Amino acid sequence: MKVNVELGFTSLEQEFENISLPVEGNIPEWLSGTFIQNGAAKFEIGKENYNHWFDGLAMLHKFAFKNGQVLYTNKFLKGHTFKNAVKKGRIVYPEFATIPKRSLLYHSSVA
C-alpha cells in the first residue's frame, strides 16, 4: 500500500464558526459535550514550507455535540509565532524539523 504523505501537508486557510456537520448514522441524543483538538494547519508562509507534520501554524478544532448534532469551529492560534510569520511573509522561528532561512546580515534580535 502506497501512502501519499503530501496530503498531510495540505494547509487549511479558512476559519469556520458553528458549522453543522453532516452525520452518517446516529449520534446518541444523550451525548453532549465538546471535543477540542490542536495541531499544525498551515504548512507554508510566503515561498517557504515547513518540513514536518509537527511544524506549521497551529489551529484549534472544536466539535460540539448536542441533541444528536455536531457543530464544528476552527481558529488559528494567533500568538507571536503566527503574527510574526504572517507579518514578515516567511518562517521566523525554528520548529521541530524546520529551521528558518537567514541572511548573512541576520542578527538574533531581528526575529
N, C-alpha and C. Protein backbone atom coordinates (compact mmCIF):
# COMPACT_ATOMS: atom_id res chain seq x y z
N MET A 1 0.84 -1.18 0.00
CA MET A 1 0.00 0.00 0.00
C MET A 1 0.89 1.24 0.00
N LYS A 2 0.64 2.12 -0.96
CA LYS A 2 1.40 3.35 -1.06
C LYS A 2 0.64 4.48 -0.35
N VAL A 3 1.34 5.21 0.50
CA VAL A 3 0.73 6.30 1.25
C VAL A 3 1.18 7.63 0.67
N ASN A 4 0.24 8.53 0.44
CA ASN A 4 0.55 9.85 -0.08
C ASN A 4 0.78 10.79 1.10
N VAL A 5 2.05 10.97 1.50
CA VAL A 5 2.36 11.81 2.65
C VAL A 5 2.10 13.28 2.39
N GLU A 6 2.05 13.69 1.13
CA GLU A 6 1.79 15.09 0.80
C GLU A 6 0.42 15.55 1.30
N LEU A 7 -0.54 14.64 1.40
CA LEU A 7 -1.87 15.01 1.90
C LEU A 7 -1.78 15.56 3.32
N GLY A 8 -0.82 15.08 4.09
CA GLY A 8 -0.64 15.56 5.46
C GLY A 8 -0.12 16.98 5.54
N PHE A 9 0.35 17.52 4.42
CA PHE A 9 0.85 18.89 4.36
C PHE A 9 -0.13 19.83 3.66
N THR A 10 -1.39 19.43 3.58
CA THR A 10 -2.41 20.29 2.99
C THR A 10 -2.81 21.35 4.01
N SER A 11 -2.61 22.60 3.65
CA SER A 11 -2.90 23.69 4.58
C SER A 11 -4.39 24.01 4.62
N LEU A 12 -4.82 24.40 5.79
CA LEU A 12 -6.16 24.97 5.97
C LEU A 12 -5.99 26.48 5.96
N GLU A 13 -6.86 27.16 5.26
CA GLU A 13 -6.78 28.62 5.17
C GLU A 13 -7.96 29.30 5.87
N GLN A 14 -9.11 28.65 5.84
CA GLN A 14 -10.35 29.26 6.32
C GLN A 14 -10.66 28.89 7.75
N GLU A 15 -11.27 29.84 8.45
CA GLU A 15 -11.79 29.57 9.78
C GLU A 15 -13.31 29.53 9.68
N PHE A 16 -13.92 28.63 10.44
CA PHE A 16 -15.37 28.47 10.44
C PHE A 16 -15.89 28.58 11.87
N GLU A 17 -17.16 28.95 12.00
CA GLU A 17 -17.75 29.02 13.33
C GLU A 17 -19.12 28.36 13.32
N ASN A 18 -19.27 27.35 14.15
CA ASN A 18 -20.54 26.63 14.35
C ASN A 18 -21.18 26.16 13.05
N ILE A 19 -20.40 25.44 12.24
CA ILE A 19 -20.91 24.84 11.02
C ILE A 19 -21.52 23.49 11.39
N SER A 20 -22.76 23.24 10.99
CA SER A 20 -23.41 21.96 11.26
C SER A 20 -22.82 20.90 10.32
N LEU A 21 -22.26 19.84 10.90
CA LEU A 21 -21.65 18.79 10.10
C LEU A 21 -22.66 17.70 9.77
N PRO A 22 -22.56 17.14 8.56
CA PRO A 22 -23.44 16.02 8.23
C PRO A 22 -23.05 14.80 9.07
N VAL A 23 -24.03 14.02 9.45
CA VAL A 23 -23.81 12.85 10.29
C VAL A 23 -24.34 11.62 9.56
N GLU A 24 -23.49 10.59 9.44
CA GLU A 24 -23.94 9.31 8.91
C GLU A 24 -24.28 8.44 10.11
N GLY A 25 -25.44 7.85 10.12
CA GLY A 25 -25.86 7.07 11.27
C GLY A 25 -26.49 7.98 12.31
N ASN A 26 -26.36 7.60 13.57
CA ASN A 26 -26.97 8.37 14.64
C ASN A 26 -25.97 8.67 15.74
N ILE A 27 -26.03 9.88 16.24
CA ILE A 27 -25.29 10.24 17.44
C ILE A 27 -26.29 10.16 18.58
N PRO A 28 -25.95 9.46 19.65
CA PRO A 28 -26.91 9.34 20.76
C PRO A 28 -27.35 10.72 21.26
N GLU A 29 -28.65 10.85 21.51
CA GLU A 29 -29.21 12.12 21.99
C GLU A 29 -28.58 12.56 23.31
N TRP A 30 -28.16 11.59 24.14
CA TRP A 30 -27.61 11.92 25.45
C TRP A 30 -26.18 12.46 25.37
N LEU A 31 -25.51 12.28 24.20
CA LEU A 31 -24.12 12.73 24.07
C LEU A 31 -24.10 14.25 23.96
N SER A 32 -23.50 14.87 24.94
CA SER A 32 -23.43 16.33 24.98
C SER A 32 -22.07 16.72 25.50
N GLY A 33 -21.37 17.54 24.76
CA GLY A 33 -20.05 17.98 25.20
C GLY A 33 -19.24 18.51 24.04
N THR A 34 -17.98 18.75 24.32
CA THR A 34 -17.09 19.36 23.33
C THR A 34 -15.78 18.59 23.27
N PHE A 35 -15.33 18.34 22.05
CA PHE A 35 -14.02 17.74 21.80
C PHE A 35 -13.17 18.80 21.12
N ILE A 36 -12.00 19.08 21.68
CA ILE A 36 -11.10 20.08 21.09
C ILE A 36 -9.79 19.41 20.73
N GLN A 37 -9.33 19.68 19.52
CA GLN A 37 -8.08 19.11 19.03
C GLN A 37 -7.20 20.26 18.54
N ASN A 38 -5.90 20.16 18.78
CA ASN A 38 -4.99 21.17 18.23
C ASN A 38 -3.93 20.50 17.38
N GLY A 39 -3.36 21.26 16.47
CA GLY A 39 -2.30 20.74 15.63
C GLY A 39 -1.96 21.72 14.53
N ALA A 40 -0.92 21.40 13.79
CA ALA A 40 -0.50 22.25 12.68
C ALA A 40 -1.55 22.24 11.58
N ALA A 41 -1.77 23.41 10.97
CA ALA A 41 -2.80 23.51 9.94
C ALA A 41 -2.35 24.30 8.71
N LYS A 42 -1.30 25.08 8.84
CA LYS A 42 -0.79 25.86 7.70
C LYS A 42 0.69 25.54 7.57
N PHE A 43 1.07 25.02 6.40
CA PHE A 43 2.41 24.48 6.22
C PHE A 43 3.29 25.30 5.29
N GLU A 44 2.85 26.47 4.91
CA GLU A 44 3.70 27.35 4.12
C GLU A 44 3.42 28.80 4.50
N ILE A 45 4.48 29.58 4.45
CA ILE A 45 4.40 31.02 4.67
C ILE A 45 5.19 31.65 3.53
N GLY A 46 4.53 32.50 2.75
CA GLY A 46 5.20 33.06 1.58
C GLY A 46 5.66 31.93 0.67
N LYS A 47 6.95 31.92 0.36
CA LYS A 47 7.50 30.88 -0.52
C LYS A 47 8.21 29.77 0.27
N GLU A 48 8.10 29.81 1.59
CA GLU A 48 8.77 28.82 2.43
C GLU A 48 7.78 27.78 2.95
N ASN A 49 8.27 26.54 3.06
CA ASN A 49 7.43 25.43 3.56
C ASN A 49 8.00 24.87 4.85
N TYR A 50 7.10 24.45 5.74
CA TYR A 50 7.50 23.71 6.92
C TYR A 50 7.84 22.29 6.50
N ASN A 51 8.76 21.64 7.23
CA ASN A 51 9.30 20.34 6.82
C ASN A 51 8.72 19.14 7.54
N HIS A 52 7.85 19.34 8.51
CA HIS A 52 7.35 18.21 9.30
C HIS A 52 5.90 18.46 9.69
N TRP A 53 5.16 17.37 9.88
CA TRP A 53 3.76 17.48 10.30
C TRP A 53 3.60 18.11 11.68
N PHE A 54 4.63 18.06 12.49
CA PHE A 54 4.56 18.70 13.81
C PHE A 54 4.77 20.21 13.72
N ASP A 55 5.35 20.66 12.62
CA ASP A 55 5.60 22.08 12.42
C ASP A 55 4.37 22.73 11.80
N GLY A 56 4.49 23.96 11.44
CA GLY A 56 3.35 24.66 10.83
C GLY A 56 2.62 25.49 11.86
N LEU A 57 1.75 26.33 11.37
CA LEU A 57 0.99 27.22 12.25
C LEU A 57 -0.20 26.47 12.83
N ALA A 58 -0.40 26.63 14.12
CA ALA A 58 -1.37 25.83 14.87
C ALA A 58 -2.81 26.31 14.71
N MET A 59 -3.72 25.35 14.78
CA MET A 59 -5.15 25.63 14.71
C MET A 59 -5.86 24.75 15.74
N LEU A 60 -6.87 25.32 16.37
CA LEU A 60 -7.75 24.55 17.24
C LEU A 60 -8.99 24.14 16.45
N HIS A 61 -9.44 22.91 16.67
CA HIS A 61 -10.65 22.39 16.04
C HIS A 61 -11.60 22.01 17.17
N LYS A 62 -12.81 22.52 17.13
CA LYS A 62 -13.81 22.21 18.16
C LYS A 62 -15.00 21.50 17.53
N PHE A 63 -15.37 20.37 18.13
CA PHE A 63 -16.54 19.62 17.74
C PHE A 63 -17.49 19.63 18.92
N ALA A 64 -18.64 20.29 18.78
CA ALA A 64 -19.62 20.39 19.87
C ALA A 64 -20.78 19.43 19.57
N PHE A 65 -21.05 18.53 20.51
CA PHE A 65 -22.10 17.53 20.38
C PHE A 65 -23.29 17.92 21.25
N LYS A 66 -24.48 17.97 20.64
CA LYS A 66 -25.69 18.28 21.40
C LYS A 66 -26.91 17.88 20.57
N ASN A 67 -27.86 17.22 21.21
CA ASN A 67 -29.12 16.83 20.57
C ASN A 67 -28.92 16.06 19.27
N GLY A 68 -27.92 15.18 19.24
CA GLY A 68 -27.69 14.34 18.06
C GLY A 68 -27.04 15.06 16.90
N GLN A 69 -26.56 16.28 17.12
CA GLN A 69 -25.91 17.04 16.06
C GLN A 69 -24.47 17.38 16.44
N VAL A 70 -23.68 17.77 15.43
CA VAL A 70 -22.29 18.17 15.65
C VAL A 70 -22.07 19.53 14.99
N LEU A 71 -21.55 20.46 15.77
CA LEU A 71 -21.17 21.77 15.24
C LEU A 71 -19.66 21.86 15.25
N TYR A 72 -19.09 22.41 14.16
CA TYR A 72 -17.64 22.50 14.01
C TYR A 72 -17.20 23.96 13.97
N THR A 73 -16.12 24.26 14.73
CA THR A 73 -15.49 25.57 14.72
C THR A 73 -13.99 25.36 14.67
N ASN A 74 -13.28 26.18 13.90
CA ASN A 74 -11.82 26.12 13.90
C ASN A 74 -11.26 27.54 13.93
N LYS A 75 -10.14 27.69 14.60
CA LYS A 75 -9.49 29.00 14.72
C LYS A 75 -7.98 28.80 14.76
N PHE A 76 -7.25 29.65 14.03
CA PHE A 76 -5.80 29.66 14.16
C PHE A 76 -5.43 30.22 15.52
N LEU A 77 -4.37 29.68 16.10
CA LEU A 77 -3.81 30.25 17.33
C LEU A 77 -2.93 31.42 16.89
N LYS A 78 -3.38 32.62 17.13
CA LYS A 78 -2.71 33.80 16.59
C LYS A 78 -1.80 34.45 17.63
N GLY A 79 -0.84 33.64 18.10
CA GLY A 79 0.17 34.13 19.03
C GLY A 79 1.32 34.78 18.28
N HIS A 80 2.44 34.98 18.97
CA HIS A 80 3.56 35.69 18.36
C HIS A 80 4.14 34.96 17.15
N THR A 81 4.18 33.63 17.16
CA THR A 81 4.70 32.90 16.01
C THR A 81 3.85 33.15 14.77
N PHE A 82 2.54 33.01 14.89
CA PHE A 82 1.62 33.24 13.78
C PHE A 82 1.74 34.69 13.28
N LYS A 83 1.63 35.64 14.20
CA LYS A 83 1.64 37.05 13.82
C LYS A 83 2.94 37.47 13.15
N ASN A 84 4.08 37.04 13.68
CA ASN A 84 5.36 37.42 13.08
C ASN A 84 5.58 36.76 11.72
N ALA A 85 5.20 35.50 11.59
CA ALA A 85 5.36 34.81 10.31
C ALA A 85 4.50 35.46 9.23
N VAL A 86 3.25 35.77 9.56
CA VAL A 86 2.35 36.40 8.58
C VAL A 86 2.84 37.80 8.24
N LYS A 87 3.25 38.54 9.24
CA LYS A 87 3.73 39.92 9.03
C LYS A 87 4.97 39.94 8.13
N LYS A 88 5.92 39.02 8.38
CA LYS A 88 7.17 39.01 7.63
C LYS A 88 7.10 38.18 6.35
N GLY A 89 6.03 37.40 6.19
CA GLY A 89 5.86 36.61 4.98
C GLY A 89 6.87 35.48 4.85
N ARG A 90 7.36 34.99 5.99
CA ARG A 90 8.34 33.90 5.98
C ARG A 90 8.29 33.16 7.32
N ILE A 91 8.93 32.01 7.36
CA ILE A 91 9.04 31.26 8.61
C ILE A 91 10.06 32.01 9.47
N VAL A 92 9.68 32.33 10.69
CA VAL A 92 10.51 33.18 11.54
C VAL A 92 11.23 32.39 12.63
N TYR A 93 10.57 31.42 13.23
CA TYR A 93 11.14 30.70 14.37
C TYR A 93 11.45 29.25 14.01
N PRO A 94 12.51 28.67 14.60
CA PRO A 94 12.78 27.25 14.39
C PRO A 94 11.65 26.40 14.96
N GLU A 95 11.37 25.30 14.29
CA GLU A 95 10.33 24.37 14.72
C GLU A 95 10.97 23.00 14.91
N PHE A 96 10.17 21.97 15.06
CA PHE A 96 10.65 20.62 15.30
C PHE A 96 11.68 20.18 14.24
N ALA A 97 11.36 20.36 12.96
CA ALA A 97 12.24 19.93 11.88
C ALA A 97 12.41 21.01 10.82
N THR A 98 12.11 22.26 11.16
CA THR A 98 12.22 23.36 10.21
C THR A 98 13.07 24.46 10.81
N ILE A 99 14.13 24.81 10.11
CA ILE A 99 14.99 25.91 10.52
C ILE A 99 14.75 27.06 9.54
N PRO A 100 14.41 28.25 10.05
CA PRO A 100 14.16 29.38 9.15
C PRO A 100 15.42 29.74 8.36
N LYS A 101 15.22 30.22 7.14
CA LYS A 101 16.34 30.69 6.33
C LYS A 101 16.74 32.07 6.84
N ARG A 102 18.02 32.30 6.97
CA ARG A 102 18.55 33.57 7.46
C ARG A 102 19.56 34.12 6.47
N SER A 103 19.63 35.42 6.38
CA SER A 103 20.66 36.03 5.56
C SER A 103 21.93 36.18 6.39
N LEU A 104 23.03 36.48 5.77
CA LEU A 104 24.29 36.68 6.49
C LEU A 104 24.21 37.93 7.37
N LEU A 105 23.30 38.81 7.06
CA LEU A 105 23.16 40.05 7.84
C LEU A 105 22.23 39.89 9.03
N TYR A 106 21.71 38.68 9.21
CA TYR A 106 20.74 38.43 10.29
C TYR A 106 21.39 38.63 11.66
N HIS A 107 20.67 39.26 12.55
CA HIS A 107 21.10 39.43 13.94
C HIS A 107 20.03 38.80 14.82
N SER A 108 20.39 38.12 15.88
CA SER A 108 19.44 37.36 16.68
C SER A 108 18.29 38.19 17.23
N SER A 109 18.44 39.48 17.37
CA SER A 109 17.35 40.30 17.91
C SER A 109 16.33 40.68 16.85
N VAL A 110 16.58 40.33 15.60
CA VAL A 110 15.68 40.73 14.50
C VAL A 110 14.43 39.88 14.45
N ALA A 111 14.53 38.58 14.76
CA ALA A 111 13.39 37.67 14.63
C ALA A 111 12.23 38.17 15.42
